[in-house]
Amino acid sequence: MDIQNVKVGLIGAGNMGSALASGIARGIGSDRILAFDTDHARLAALQRETGIRHAEFIEELPEYSDIILLCVKPDVIPLVCEKLTQYGGIILSAAAGIKIESIKRVTGHDKKIIRSMPNTPCMAGAGMIVISPDDNSDSDDVILVKELLGFTGLVLQMPEKMINSVTAVSGSGPAYVFTFIQAMADAAVKLGINRQDALTLAGQTVFGSAKMFLDKIENPIKMRDNVISPAGTTIEAIHILEKEGFSGIIIDAIEAAAKKARELDSNK
């Protein structure tokens, strides 16, 4: 199926649903997305922002859609999936902590289900999305979903067993980066720079460094060393970071997030 002809149904117009819908609308056109949410005010806001169409009833989506994107809270997944038992298209789930098998127990095991883990930078079209297709999804299904989600960011494919690790790295990762930006900005303020300029300095430095890294995909240590001069200012800062266990703290934090993700996943 050509990406420009695909019809998408969105269930859930919260932050992640809205972020994905905005990016997809830019790629295929807002008229090809039909959205449903029990929160009518939130749905109306998404319609104003993106121009997508909204459904009065959830039952309209299976009849319309080639792909249904699930962006609802985990506790309502069973209720939503009961409406999809006769659906023959692709179910693309972005519901946190919900395994493919949990969805199939409600929809039936003949369904094509692709689990995904997006992150909030999808709102800026710069997200990181990992997908895990089930055995019923063929290569054409996967290519179509990758192309669709590609309008919102970079897409990688991994086995479902890696989703909890992905959650800890890229799913929760923006919060770590925002914390780092805040700390850099606070340091700048302490050094006499006004708050707005401090935030701009920190944010643009993180953005530029990330873009430079992604453009080359070199060893980050090598790229770091290109900034460091012998007996200069940068090595003084790196010395403090390493002495205080900066790298170890990041690793420990991500491992803790992965452990929590596994605990939540095991309950679904």
C-alpha atoms as a PDB file:
ATOM      1  CA  MET A   1       0.000   0.000   0.000  1.00  0.00           C
ATOM      2  CA  ASP A   2       1.299   3.455  -0.901  1.00  0.00           C
ATOM      3  CA  ILE A   3       1.855   5.647   2.156  1.00  0.00           C
ATOM      4  CA  GLN A   4      -0.089   8.528   0.619  1.00  0.00           C
ATOM      5  CA  ASN A   5      -3.190   6.338   0.341  1.00  0.00           C
ATOM      6  CA  VAL A   6      -3.117   4.895   3.848  1.00  0.00           C
ATOM      7  CA  LYS A   7      -5.956   5.782   6.212  1.00  0.00           C
ATOM      8  CA  VAL A   8      -5.139   6.054   9.907  1.00  0.00           C
ATOM      9  CA  GLY A   9      -7.428   5.750  12.897  1.00  0.00           C
ATOM     10  CA  LEU A  10      -6.216   7.266  16.156  1.00  0.00           C
ATOM     11  CA  ILE A  11      -7.641   6.158  19.492  1.00  0.00           C
ATOM     12  CA  GLY A  12      -6.469   8.525  22.217  1.00  0.00           C
ATOM     13  CA  ALA A  13      -5.743  12.229  21.755  1.00  0.00           C
ATOM     14  CA  GLY A  14      -3.484  12.764  24.765  1.00  0.00           C
ATOM     15  CA  ASN A  15       0.078  14.059  24.610  1.00  0.00           C
ATOM     16  CA  MET A  16       1.569  11.111  22.742  1.00  0.00           C
ATOM     17  CA  GLY A  17      -1.431  10.565  20.499  1.00  0.00           C
ATOM     18  CA  SER A  18      -1.452  14.245  19.578  1.00  0.00           C
ATOM     19  CA  ALA A  19       2.294  14.250  18.945  1.00  0.00           C
ATOM     20  CA  LEU A  20       2.124  11.258  16.625  1.00  0.00           C
ATOM     21  CA  ALA A  21      -1.004  12.541  14.880  1.00  0.00           C
ATOM     22  CA  SER A  22       0.617  15.921  14.222  1.00  0.00           C
ATOM     23  CA  GLY A  23       3.650  14.366  12.569  1.00  0.00           C
ATOM     24  CA  ILE A  24       1.647  11.847  10.572  1.00  0.00           C
ATOM     25  CA  ALA A  25      -0.738  14.588   9.413  1.00  0.00           C
ATOM     26  CA  ARG A  26       2.211  16.568   8.064  1.00  0.00           C
ATOM     27  CA  GLY A  27       3.271  13.509   6.107  1.00  0.00           C
ATOM     28  CA  ILE A  28       0.048  12.108   4.648  1.00  0.00           C
ATOM     29  CA  GLY A  29      -2.428  14.947   5.142  1.00  0.00           C
ATOM     30  CA  SER A  30      -4.841  15.606   7.977  1.00  0.00           C
ATOM     31  CA  ASP A  31      -7.824  14.425   5.941  1.00  0.00           C
ATOM     32  CA  ARG A  32      -6.516  10.843   6.104  1.00  0.00           C
ATOM     33  CA  ILE A  33      -6.638  10.635   9.903  1.00  0.00           C
ATOM     34  CA  LEU A  34      -9.796   9.891  11.882  1.00  0.00           C
ATOM     35  CA  ALA A  35      -9.456  10.301  15.652  1.00  0.00           C
ATOM     36  CA  PHE A  36     -11.524   9.261  18.652  1.00  0.00           C
ATOM     37  CA  ASP A  37     -11.234  10.159  22.327  1.00  0.00           C
ATOM     38  CA  THR A  38     -13.767  10.096  25.141  1.00  0.00           C
ATOM     39  CA  ASP A  39     -12.463  13.528  26.158  1.00  0.00           C
ATOM     40  CA  HIS A  40     -14.266  15.662  23.579  1.00  0.00           C
ATOM     41  CA  ALA A  41     -12.461  18.867  24.551  1.00  0.00           C
ATOM     42  CA  ARG A  42      -9.077  17.243  24.003  1.00  0.00           C
ATOM     43  CA  LEU A  43     -10.234  15.827  20.687  1.00  0.00           C
ATOM     44  CA  ALA A  44     -11.524  19.224  19.583  1.00  0.00           C
ATOM     45  CA  ALA A  45      -8.193  20.813  20.495  1.00  0.00           C
ATOM     46  CA  LEU A  46      -6.325  18.262  18.378  1.00  0.00           C
ATOM     47  CA  GLN A  47      -8.676  18.911  15.485  1.00  0.00           C
ATOM     48  CA  ARG A  48      -8.044  22.668  15.722  1.00  0.00           C
ATOM     49  CA  GLU A  49      -4.285  22.174  15.852  1.00  0.00           C
ATOM     50  CA  THR A  50      -3.936  19.626  13.055  1.00  0.00           C
ATOM     51  CA  GLY A  51      -7.121  19.693  10.985  1.00  0.00           C
ATOM     52  CA  ILE A  52      -7.691  15.955  11.390  1.00  0.00           C
ATOM     53  CA  ARG A  53     -11.235  14.605  11.439  1.00  0.00           C
ATOM     54  CA  HIS A  54     -12.871  13.226  14.560  1.00  0.00           C
ATOM     55  CA  ALA A  55     -15.240  10.317  15.049  1.00  0.00           C
ATOM     56  CA  GLU A  56     -18.307  10.459  17.249  1.00  0.00           C
ATOM     57  CA  PHE A  57     -18.066   6.747  18.034  1.00  0.00           C
ATOM     58  CA  ILE A  58     -15.099   4.416  18.335  1.00  0.00           C
ATOM     59  CA  GLU A  59     -16.868   1.897  16.093  1.00  0.00           C
ATOM     60  CA  GLU A  60     -16.264   4.213  13.112  1.00  0.00           C
ATOM     61  CA  LEU A  61     -12.518   3.630  13.191  1.00  0.00           C
ATOM     62  CA  PRO A  62     -12.283  -0.075  12.248  1.00  0.00           C
ATOM     63  CA  GLU A  63     -14.503   0.555   9.221  1.00  0.00           C
ATOM     64  CA  TYR A  64     -12.336   3.463   8.061  1.00  0.00           C
ATOM     65  CA  SER A  65      -8.746   2.610   8.937  1.00  0.00           C
ATOM     66  CA  ASP A  66      -5.912   0.652   7.359  1.00  0.00           C
ATOM     67  CA  ILE A  67      -3.906   1.234  10.544  1.00  0.00           C
ATOM     68  CA  ILE A  68      -5.315   1.901  14.006  1.00  0.00           C
ATOM     69  CA  LEU A  69      -2.964   3.679  16.377  1.00  0.00           C
ATOM     70  CA  LEU A  70      -3.633   2.942  20.057  1.00  0.00           C
ATOM     71  CA  CYS A  71      -2.497   5.805  22.293  1.00  0.00           C
ATOM     72  CA  VAL A  72      -4.585   5.197  25.400  1.00  0.00           C
ATOM     73  CA  LYS A  73      -3.795   4.496  29.046  1.00  0.00           C
ATOM     74  CA  PRO A  74      -2.985   0.848  29.813  1.00  0.00           C
ATOM     75  CA  ASP A  75      -6.045   0.403  32.024  1.00  0.00           C
ATOM     76  CA  VAL A  76      -8.474   1.063  29.161  1.00  0.00           C
ATOM     77  CA  ILE A  77      -6.731  -1.136  26.588  1.00  0.00           C
ATOM     78  CA  PRO A  78      -9.050  -4.130  27.220  1.00  0.00           C
ATOM     79  CA  LEU A  79     -12.169  -2.000  26.675  1.00  0.00           C
ATOM     80  CA  VAL A  80     -10.750  -0.487  23.491  1.00  0.00           C
ATOM     81  CA  CYS A  81      -9.526  -3.806  22.112  1.00  0.00           C
ATOM     82  CA  GLU A  82     -12.999  -5.315  22.505  1.00  0.00           C
ATOM     83  CA  LYS A  83     -14.035  -2.955  19.702  1.00  0.00           C
ATOM     84  CA  LEU A  84     -11.345  -4.361  17.390  1.00  0.00           C
ATOM     85  CA  THR A  85     -12.187  -8.061  17.354  1.00  0.00           C
ATOM     86  CA  GLN A  86     -13.479  -7.865  13.755  1.00  0.00           C
ATOM     87  CA  TYR A  87     -10.786  -5.465  12.529  1.00  0.00           C
ATOM     88  CA  GLY A  88      -8.565  -6.735   9.703  1.00  0.00           C
ATOM     89  CA  GLY A  89      -5.928  -4.014   9.459  1.00  0.00           C
ATOM     90  CA  ILE A  90      -2.769  -3.247  11.423  1.00  0.00           C
ATOM     91  CA  ILE A  91      -3.043  -2.417  15.120  1.00  0.00           C
ATOM     92  CA  LEU A  92      -0.151  -0.147  16.089  1.00  0.00           C
ATOM     93  CA  SER A  93       0.052   0.096  19.867  1.00  0.00           C
ATOM     94  CA  ALA A  94       1.862   2.880  21.704  1.00  0.00           C
ATOM     95  CA  ALA A  95       0.336   1.879  25.047  1.00  0.00           C
ATOM     96  CA  ALA A  96       3.070   1.755  27.689  1.00  0.00           C
ATOM     97  CA  GLY A  97       3.678  -1.589  29.350  1.00  0.00           C
ATOM     98  CA  ILE A  98       1.137  -3.528  27.284  1.00  0.00           C
ATOM     99  CA  LYS A  99       2.511  -6.648  25.618  1.00  0.00           C
ATOM    100  CA  ILE A 100       1.378  -7.849  22.222  1.00  0.00           C
ATOM    101  CA  GLU A 101       0.029 -11.028  23.806  1.00  0.00           C
ATOM    102  CA  SER A 102      -2.136  -8.979  26.203  1.00  0.00           C
ATOM    103  CA  ILE A 103      -3.791  -7.253  23.255  1.00  0.00           C
ATOM    104  CA  LYS A 104      -4.292 -10.508  21.369  1.00  0.00           C
ATOM    105  CA  ARG A 105      -6.045 -12.100  24.304  1.00  0.00           C
ATOM    106  CA  VAL A 106      -8.841  -9.588  23.675  1.00  0.00           C
ATOM    107  CA  THR A 107      -8.708  -8.991  19.909  1.00  0.00           C
ATOM    108  CA  GLY A 108      -7.910 -12.560  18.881  1.00  0.00           C
ATOM    109  CA  HIS A 109      -4.596 -14.103  17.863  1.00  0.00           C
ATOM    110  CA  ASP A 110      -5.180 -13.619  14.138  1.00  0.00           C
ATOM    111  CA  LYS A 111      -4.625  -9.858  14.340  1.00  0.00           C
ATOM    112  CA  LYS A 112      -1.592  -7.961  13.011  1.00  0.00           C
ATOM    113  CA  ILE A 113      -0.158  -6.083  15.974  1.00  0.00           C
ATOM    114  CA  ILE A 114       2.944  -3.912  16.075  1.00  0.00           C
ATOM    115  CA  ARG A 115       4.044  -2.623  19.456  1.00  0.00           C
ATOM    116  CA  SER A 116       5.867   0.708  19.577  1.00  0.00           C
ATOM    117  CA  MET A 117       7.767   2.827  22.060  1.00  0.00           C
ATOM    118  CA  PRO A 118       7.817   6.481  20.955  1.00  0.00           C
ATOM    119  CA  ASN A 119       9.079   9.405  23.017  1.00  0.00           C
ATOM    120  CA  THR A 120       7.905  12.968  23.535  1.00  0.00           C
ATOM    121  CA  PRO A 121      10.278  14.609  20.985  1.00  0.00           C
ATOM    122  CA  CYS A 122       7.853  13.199  18.410  1.00  0.00           C
ATOM    123  CA  MET A 123       6.028  16.465  19.159  1.00  0.00           C
ATOM    124  CA  ALA A 124       8.895  18.272  17.408  1.00  0.00           C
ATOM    125  CA  GLY A 125       9.198  15.726  14.603  1.00  0.00           C
ATOM    126  CA  ALA A 126      12.455  14.534  16.165  1.00  0.00           C
ATOM    127  CA  GLY A 127      11.279  11.511  18.106  1.00  0.00           C
ATOM    128  CA  MET A 128      12.892   8.131  18.633  1.00  0.00           C
ATOM    129  CA  ILE A 129      10.469   5.297  17.984  1.00  0.00           C
ATOM    130  CA  VAL A 130      11.173   1.584  18.333  1.00  0.00           C
ATOM    131  CA  ILE A 131       8.736  -0.923  16.851  1.00  0.00           C
ATOM    132  CA  SER A 132       8.274  -4.638  17.538  1.00  0.00           C
ATOM    133  CA  PRO A 133       6.063  -6.469  15.020  1.00  0.00           C
ATOM    134  CA  ASP A 134       4.259  -9.708  15.798  1.00  0.00           C
ATOM    135  CA  ASP A 135       4.534 -12.836  13.645  1.00  0.00           C
ATOM    136  CA  ASN A 136       1.357 -11.985  11.715  1.00  0.00           C
ATOM    137  CA  SER A 137       2.833  -8.719  10.410  1.00  0.00           C
ATOM    138  CA  ASP A 138       4.682  -9.197   7.116  1.00  0.00           C
ATOM    139  CA  SER A 139       7.522  -7.125   5.684  1.00  0.00           C
ATOM    140  CA  ASP A 140       5.124  -4.834   3.804  1.00  0.00           C
ATOM    141  CA  ASP A 141       3.256  -4.089   7.045  1.00  0.00           C
ATOM    142  CA  VAL A 142       6.511  -3.227   8.801  1.00  0.00           C
ATOM    143  CA  ILE A 143       7.709  -1.021   5.944  1.00  0.00           C
ATOM    144  CA  LEU A 144       4.388   0.849   5.944  1.00  0.00           C
ATOM    145  CA  VAL A 145       4.484   1.451   9.708  1.00  0.00           C
ATOM    146  CA  LYS A 146       8.125   2.560   9.580  1.00  0.00           C
ATOM    147  CA  GLU A 147       7.312   5.031   6.836  1.00  0.00           C
ATOM    148  CA  LEU A 148       4.272   6.312   8.715  1.00  0.00           C
ATOM    149  CA  LEU A 149       6.104   6.802  12.019  1.00  0.00           C
ATOM    150  CA  GLY A 150       9.074   8.223  10.130  1.00  0.00           C
ATOM    151  CA  PHE A 151       7.102  11.451   9.797  1.00  0.00           C
ATOM    152  CA  THR A 152       7.523  11.873  13.573  1.00  0.00           C
ATOM    153  CA  GLY A 153      11.173  10.870  13.991  1.00  0.00           C
ATOM    154  CA  LEU A 154      13.713   8.080  13.622  1.00  0.00           C
ATOM    155  CA  VAL A 155      12.377   4.503  13.629  1.00  0.00           C
ATOM    156  CA  LEU A 156      14.227   1.336  14.648  1.00  0.00           C
ATOM    157  CA  GLN A 157      12.967  -2.248  14.761  1.00  0.00           C
ATOM    158  CA  MET A 158      13.799  -4.510  17.714  1.00  0.00           C
ATOM    159  CA  PRO A 159      12.390  -7.675  19.318  1.00  0.00           C
ATOM    160  CA  GLU A 160       9.632  -7.052  21.855  1.00  0.00           C
ATOM    161  CA  LYS A 161      11.863  -8.369  24.656  1.00  0.00           C
ATOM    162  CA  MET A 162      13.995  -5.212  24.252  1.00  0.00           C
ATOM    163  CA  ILE A 163      11.102  -2.779  24.776  1.00  0.00           C
ATOM    164  CA  ASN A 164      11.718  -2.357  28.516  1.00  0.00           C
ATOM    165  CA  SER A 165      15.343  -1.444  27.845  1.00  0.00           C
ATOM    166  CA  VAL A 166      14.235   0.955  25.128  1.00  0.00           C
ATOM    167  CA  THR A 167      11.754   2.525  27.547  1.00  0.00           C
ATOM    168  CA  ALA A 168      14.570   3.222  29.998  1.00  0.00           C
ATOM    169  CA  VAL A 169      16.891   4.714  27.364  1.00  0.00           C
ATOM    170  CA  SER A 170      14.823   6.655  24.827  1.00  0.00           C
ATOM    171  CA  GLY A 171      11.348   6.549  26.364  1.00  0.00           C
ATOM    172  CA  SER A 172      12.427   8.145  29.640  1.00  0.00           C
ATOM    173  CA  GLY A 173      15.540   9.681  28.093  1.00  0.00           C
ATOM    174  CA  PRO A 174      14.110  13.133  27.327  1.00  0.00           C
ATOM    175  CA  ALA A 175      13.609  13.663  31.081  1.00  0.00           C
ATOM    176  CA  TYR A 176      17.307  12.969  31.683  1.00  0.00           C
ATOM    177  CA  VAL A 177      18.260  15.417  28.940  1.00  0.00           C
ATOM    178  CA  PHE A 178      15.931  18.118  30.276  1.00  0.00           C
ATOM    179  CA  THR A 179      17.471  17.637  33.726  1.00  0.00           C
ATOM    180  CA  PHE A 180      20.932  18.096  32.213  1.00  0.00           C
ATOM    181  CA  ILE A 181      19.813  21.216  30.333  1.00  0.00           C
ATOM    182  CA  GLN A 182      18.388  22.648  33.555  1.00  0.00           C
ATOM    183  CA  ALA A 183      21.641  21.966  35.412  1.00  0.00           C
ATOM    184  CA  MET A 184      23.699  23.616  32.655  1.00  0.00           C
ATOM    185  CA  ALA A 185      21.389  26.631  32.681  1.00  0.00           C
ATOM    186  CA  ASP A 186      21.575  26.892  36.480  1.00  0.00           C
ATOM    187  CA  ALA A 187      25.361  26.900  36.250  1.00  0.00           C
ATOM    188  CA  ALA A 188      25.212  29.660  33.647  1.00  0.00           C
ATOM    189  CA  VAL A 189      22.954  31.745  35.897  1.00  0.00           C
ATOM    190  CA  LYS A 190      25.348  31.218  38.794  1.00  0.00           C
ATOM    191  CA  LEU A 191      28.099  32.561  36.535  1.00  0.00           C
ATOM    192  CA  GLY A 192      26.115  35.742  35.858  1.00  0.00           C
ATOM    193  CA  ILE A 193      24.208  34.943  32.657  1.00  0.00           C
ATOM    194  CA  ASN A 194      20.507  35.818  32.629  1.00  0.00           C
ATOM    195  CA  ARG A 195      18.048  32.916  32.787  1.00  0.00           C
ATOM    196  CA  GLN A 196      16.680  33.122  29.242  1.00  0.00           C
ATOM    197  CA  ASP A 197      20.124  33.295  27.681  1.00  0.00           C
ATOM    198  CA  ALA A 198      21.276  30.501  29.979  1.00  0.00           C
ATOM    199  CA  LEU A 199      18.470  28.218  28.798  1.00  0.00           C
ATOM    200  CA  THR A 200      19.212  29.048  25.161  1.00  0.00           C
ATOM    201  CA  LEU A 201      22.924  28.352  25.617  1.00  0.00           C
ATOM    202  CA  ALA A 202      22.238  25.007  27.270  1.00  0.00           C
ATOM    203  CA  GLY A 203      19.463  23.882  24.933  1.00  0.00           C
ATOM    204  CA  GLN A 204      21.241  24.803  21.712  1.00  0.00           C
ATOM    205  CA  THR A 205      24.462  23.188  22.923  1.00  0.00           C
ATOM    206  CA  VAL A 206      22.651  19.905  23.574  1.00  0.00           C
ATOM    207  CA  PHE A 207      20.781  20.126  20.260  1.00  0.00           C
ATOM    208  CA  GLY A 208      23.892  20.947  18.240  1.00  0.00           C
ATOM    209  CA  SER A 209      25.970  18.258  19.912  1.00  0.00           C
ATOM    210  CA  ALA A 210      23.279  15.636  19.305  1.00  0.00           C
ATOM    211  CA  LYS A 211      22.923  16.665  15.649  1.00  0.00           C
ATOM    212  CA  MET A 212      26.684  16.584  15.157  1.00  0.00           C
ATOM    213  CA  PHE A 213      26.823  13.097  16.678  1.00  0.00           C
ATOM    214  CA  LEU A 214      23.913  11.743  14.615  1.00  0.00           C
ATOM    215  CA  ASP A 215      25.365  13.191  11.409  1.00  0.00           C
ATOM    216  CA  LYS A 216      28.578  11.212  11.949  1.00  0.00           C
ATOM    217  CA  ILE A 217      27.742   8.411  14.437  1.00  0.00           C
ATOM    218  CA  GLU A 218      31.332   8.412  15.666  1.00  0.00           C
ATOM    219  CA  ASN A 219      32.596   7.205  19.009  1.00  0.00           C
ATOM    220  CA  PRO A 220      31.303   9.898  21.399  1.00  0.00           C
ATOM    221  CA  ILE A 221      34.549   9.766  23.380  1.00  0.00           C
ATOM    222  CA  LYS A 222      36.467  10.641  20.213  1.00  0.00           C
ATOM    223  CA  MET A 223      34.099  13.545  19.576  1.00  0.00           C
ATOM    224  CA  ARG A 224      34.499  14.658  23.193  1.00  0.00           C
ATOM    225  CA  ASP A 225      38.277  14.575  22.839  1.00  0.00           C
ATOM    226  CA  ASN A 226      38.033  16.911  19.845  1.00  0.00           C
ATOM    227  CA  VAL A 227      36.651  19.564  22.216  1.00  0.00           C
ATOM    228  CA  ILE A 228      39.312  19.063  24.874  1.00  0.00           C
ATOM    229  CA  SER A 229      42.582  21.000  24.834  1.00  0.00           C
ATOM    230  CA  PRO A 230      45.563  20.057  27.032  1.00  0.00           C
ATOM    231  CA  ALA A 231      45.392  21.904  30.355  1.00  0.00           C
ATOM    232  CA  GLY A 232      42.262  23.716  29.156  1.00  0.00           C
ATOM    233  CA  THR A 233      38.850  24.515  30.607  1.00  0.00           C
ATOM    234  CA  THR A 234      36.995  21.497  29.222  1.00  0.00           C
ATOM    235  CA  ILE A 235      39.260  18.865  30.783  1.00  0.00           C
ATOM    236  CA  GLU A 236      38.810  20.581  34.150  1.00  0.00           C
ATOM    237  CA  ALA A 237      35.046  20.112  33.855  1.00  0.00           C
ATOM    238  CA  ILE A 238      35.350  16.524  32.580  1.00  0.00           C
ATOM    239  CA  HIS A 239      37.647  15.719  35.508  1.00  0.00           C
ATOM    240  CA  ILE A 240      34.968  16.840  37.981  1.00  0.00           C
ATOM    241  CA  LEU A 241      32.222  14.931  36.150  1.00  0.00           C
ATOM    242  CA  GLU A 242      34.218  11.704  36.176  1.00  0.00           C
ATOM    243  CA  LYS A 243      35.445  12.158  39.746  1.00  0.00           C
ATOM    244  CA  GLU A 244      31.831  12.519  40.899  1.00  0.00           C
ATOM    245  CA  GLY A 245      30.750   9.420  38.967  1.00  0.00           C
ATOM    246  CA  PHE A 246      28.766  11.093  36.184  1.00  0.00           C
ATOM    247  CA  SER A 247      28.849   8.126  33.782  1.00  0.00           C
ATOM    248  CA  GLY A 248      28.087   5.624  36.531  1.00  0.00           C
ATOM    249  CA  ILE A 249      25.130   7.673  37.752  1.00  0.00           C
ATOM    250  CA  ILE A 250      23.635   7.741  34.243  1.00  0.00           C
ATOM    251  CA  ILE A 251      24.084   3.981  33.845  1.00  0.00           C
ATOM    252  CA  ASP A 252      22.595   3.279  37.289  1.00  0.00           C
ATOM    253  CA  ALA A 253      19.628   5.555  36.582  1.00  0.00           C
ATOM    254  CA  ILE A 254      18.832   3.862  33.273  1.00  0.00           C
ATOM    255  CA  GLU A 255      19.165   0.406  34.829  1.00  0.00           C
ATOM    256  CA  ALA A 256      16.721   1.478  37.572  1.00  0.00           C
ATOM    257  CA  ALA A 257      14.255   2.707  34.951  1.00  0.00           C
ATOM    258  CA  ALA A 258      14.555  -0.580  33.047  1.00  0.00           C
ATOM    259  CA  LYS A 259      13.930  -2.563  36.229  1.00  0.00           C
ATOM    260  CA  LYS A 260      10.781  -0.540  36.913  1.00  0.00           C
ATOM    261  CA  ALA A 261       9.643  -1.011  33.313  1.00  0.00           C
ATOM    262  CA  ARG A 262      10.032  -4.783  33.670  1.00  0.00           C
ATOM    263  CA  GLU A 263       8.013  -4.731  36.892  1.00  0.00           C
ATOM    264  CA  LEU A 264       5.200  -2.776  35.247  1.00  0.00           C
ATOM    265  CA  ASP A 265       5.336  -4.945  32.133  1.00  0.00           C
ATOM    266  CA  SER A 266       5.022  -8.154  34.124  1.00  0.00           C
ATOM    267  CA  ASN A 267       1.726  -6.951  35.573  1.00  0.00           C
ATOM    268  CA  LYS A 268       0.079  -6.440  32.177  1.00  0.00           C
END
